[in-house]
Every structure is written in structure tokens, then in C-alpha cells.
Amino acid sequence: MLAYIWIIGYQGTLTQQASAQQLQERIKIEAVGYSGTNLDVYIRNIGDIQVTIDAVYVINPDGSVNNYVSSLGATLTPGQMGTIQVSGVTLTAGNTYVVKVVTAKGTEATYTWTYRT
């Protein structure tokens, strides 16, 4: 019984530590640029700790995924901006799209825009 209480307490401590680190992670999508079938996503680390970008998703107006890249491993130090390119993206003028960026710890940022030619 004592071992069970210790394990539960230890798990709670790990969860709290992970949550605290996730709260220190903050990212912002500054802009997107589209050329041909490539979408460039400009991401800034506005948090207090280094972040690792894990995935970038381009989401269609109907909620389906247009395209994505994952397992990126790109790191950004606090204040740093980086660019991730998603290839094979097809956009239709006048439609509204969402880009979602996810870090390795699960922090997310979204950016919504209407594509105009």
C-alpha cells in the first residue's frame, strides 16, 4: 500500500513538472507565405525556454488536413524566429485556412488566413 501511494505521488510530481514546462513554452505564428505548392510558416518562440517544433499542419476550410510535416525536431531559443516549409500544399483563392504548429511538449499555436491571389 505504501508503494502504491509513493508511485501515485511520484506520477503527480512528474505531471506537475511537465505542466510547468509547458506553461513556459509559448510560440506564435507570425505569418505564412505561399508560393507554388510550398507554404512557409514563420514561427517565433515568445516563451521563456527553448522549444522543439514537432509538427506543422495545414487545415482546409472543411477541417480536413491539407498537408503536414512531422517529427521535425527544429529548435527555437527564446525570442528566435524560424521558418518551416510545408510542401505539396494546394490552396484555393477565397478560402480560409488554418495552420497549426505543435511543439514536442504539446504546446500549440494556430494562424487563420484567407488565401488571396
Protein backbone atom coordinates (compact mmCIF):
# COMPACT_ATOMS: atom_id res chain seq x y z
CA MET A 1 0.00 0.00 0.00
CA LEU A 2 2.83 2.39 0.84
CA ALA A 3 4.49 1.69 -2.54
CA TYR A 4 1.21 2.50 -4.32
CA ILE A 5 0.96 5.87 -2.55
CA TRP A 6 4.60 6.67 -3.40
CA ILE A 7 4.07 5.79 -7.10
CA ILE A 8 0.90 7.89 -7.33
CA GLY A 9 2.70 10.81 -5.64
CA TYR A 10 5.68 10.47 -7.98
CA GLN A 11 3.39 10.45 -11.04
CA GLY A 12 1.69 13.59 -9.77
CA THR A 13 5.07 15.30 -9.39
CA LEU A 14 6.08 14.38 -12.95
CA THR A 15 2.75 15.68 -14.30
CA GLN A 16 3.17 18.98 -12.44
CA GLN A 17 6.74 19.40 -13.74
CA ALA A 18 5.65 18.72 -17.32
CA SER A 19 2.75 21.17 -16.97
CA ALA A 20 5.05 23.88 -15.58
CA GLN A 21 7.46 23.47 -18.52
CA GLN A 22 4.57 23.52 -20.97
CA LEU A 23 3.37 26.80 -19.41
CA GLN A 24 6.82 28.30 -20.03
CA GLU A 25 6.60 27.27 -23.70
CA ARG A 26 4.92 29.89 -25.87
CA ILE A 27 5.05 30.07 -29.63
CA LYS A 28 3.45 32.42 -32.11
CA ILE A 29 2.91 32.06 -35.84
CA GLU A 30 3.99 35.47 -37.16
CA ALA A 31 2.98 34.96 -40.80
CA VAL A 32 2.62 32.50 -43.65
CA GLY A 33 3.79 32.77 -47.25
CA TYR A 34 2.59 30.68 -50.19
CA SER A 35 4.44 30.12 -53.45
CA GLY A 36 3.68 27.36 -55.94
CA THR A 37 2.77 24.46 -53.67
CA ASN A 38 5.02 25.47 -50.76
CA LEU A 39 3.73 27.13 -47.62
CA ASP A 40 6.34 28.87 -45.45
CA VAL A 41 5.31 29.19 -41.80
CA TYR A 42 7.15 31.81 -39.71
CA ILE A 43 7.22 30.79 -36.04
CA ARG A 44 8.57 32.79 -33.10
CA ASN A 45 9.42 31.46 -29.65
CA ILE A 46 7.84 34.01 -27.27
CA GLY A 47 8.34 31.85 -24.18
CA ASP A 48 11.00 31.51 -21.52
CA ILE A 49 12.55 28.20 -22.59
CA GLN A 50 13.84 26.58 -25.76
CA VAL A 51 11.11 24.87 -27.79
CA THR A 52 11.27 21.98 -30.22
CA ILE A 53 8.83 22.21 -33.13
CA ASP A 54 7.40 18.75 -33.76
CA ALA A 55 4.71 19.23 -36.41
CA VAL A 56 3.03 21.78 -38.69
CA TYR A 57 -0.45 21.15 -40.11
CA VAL A 58 -2.31 22.98 -42.88
CA ILE A 59 -6.05 22.58 -42.35
CA ASN A 60 -8.70 23.06 -45.06
CA PRO A 61 -11.94 25.02 -44.58
CA ASP A 62 -13.85 21.75 -44.00
CA GLY A 63 -11.48 20.74 -41.17
CA SER A 64 -9.57 18.10 -43.12
CA VAL A 65 -5.78 18.17 -43.20
CA ASN A 66 -4.44 19.60 -46.47
CA ASN A 67 -0.87 18.56 -45.70
CA TYR A 68 1.58 18.39 -42.80
CA VAL A 69 5.15 17.78 -41.75
CA SER A 70 6.03 15.97 -38.53
CA SER A 71 8.99 14.75 -36.49
CA LEU A 72 10.75 18.00 -37.31
CA GLY A 73 12.97 18.46 -34.28
CA ALA A 74 13.61 22.13 -35.15
CA THR A 75 14.57 24.11 -32.04
CA LEU A 76 14.00 27.79 -31.28
CA THR A 77 15.60 29.63 -28.38
CA PRO A 78 13.58 32.34 -26.56
CA GLY A 79 12.96 35.25 -28.95
CA GLN A 80 14.17 33.36 -32.02
CA MET A 81 12.11 33.10 -35.20
CA GLY A 82 12.35 30.22 -37.65
CA THR A 83 10.70 29.10 -40.87
CA ILE A 84 9.19 25.69 -41.57
CA GLN A 85 8.18 24.82 -45.12
CA VAL A 86 5.24 22.54 -45.85
CA SER A 87 5.43 21.19 -49.42
CA GLY A 88 2.61 19.87 -51.58
CA VAL A 89 0.00 22.34 -50.34
CA THR A 90 -2.86 23.26 -52.68
CA LEU A 91 -4.89 26.36 -51.80
CA THR A 92 -8.00 27.81 -53.43
CA ALA A 93 -8.38 31.59 -53.66
CA GLY A 94 -11.06 32.95 -51.33
CA ASN A 95 -10.95 30.00 -48.92
CA THR A 96 -9.93 30.36 -45.28
CA TYR A 97 -7.24 28.03 -43.95
CA VAL A 98 -5.70 27.29 -40.56
CA VAL A 99 -2.06 26.47 -39.82
CA LYS A 100 -1.37 24.65 -36.56
CA VAL A 101 2.12 24.31 -35.09
CA VAL A 102 2.74 21.80 -32.28
CA THR A 103 5.83 21.52 -30.06
CA ALA A 104 7.30 18.29 -28.73
CA LYS A 105 5.68 19.07 -25.34
CA GLY A 106 2.25 19.61 -26.90
CA THR A 107 2.07 23.41 -26.92
CA GLU A 108 0.06 24.63 -29.92
CA ALA A 109 -0.31 27.82 -31.92
CA THR A 110 -2.79 28.45 -34.73
CA TYR A 111 -2.98 31.02 -37.51
CA THR A 112 -6.06 31.62 -39.67
CA TRP A 113 -5.97 33.41 -43.00
CA THR A 114 -7.88 33.74 -46.26
CA TYR A 115 -5.84 32.92 -49.34
CA ARG A 116 -5.91 35.63 -51.99
CA THR A 117 -4.09 35.51 -55.33
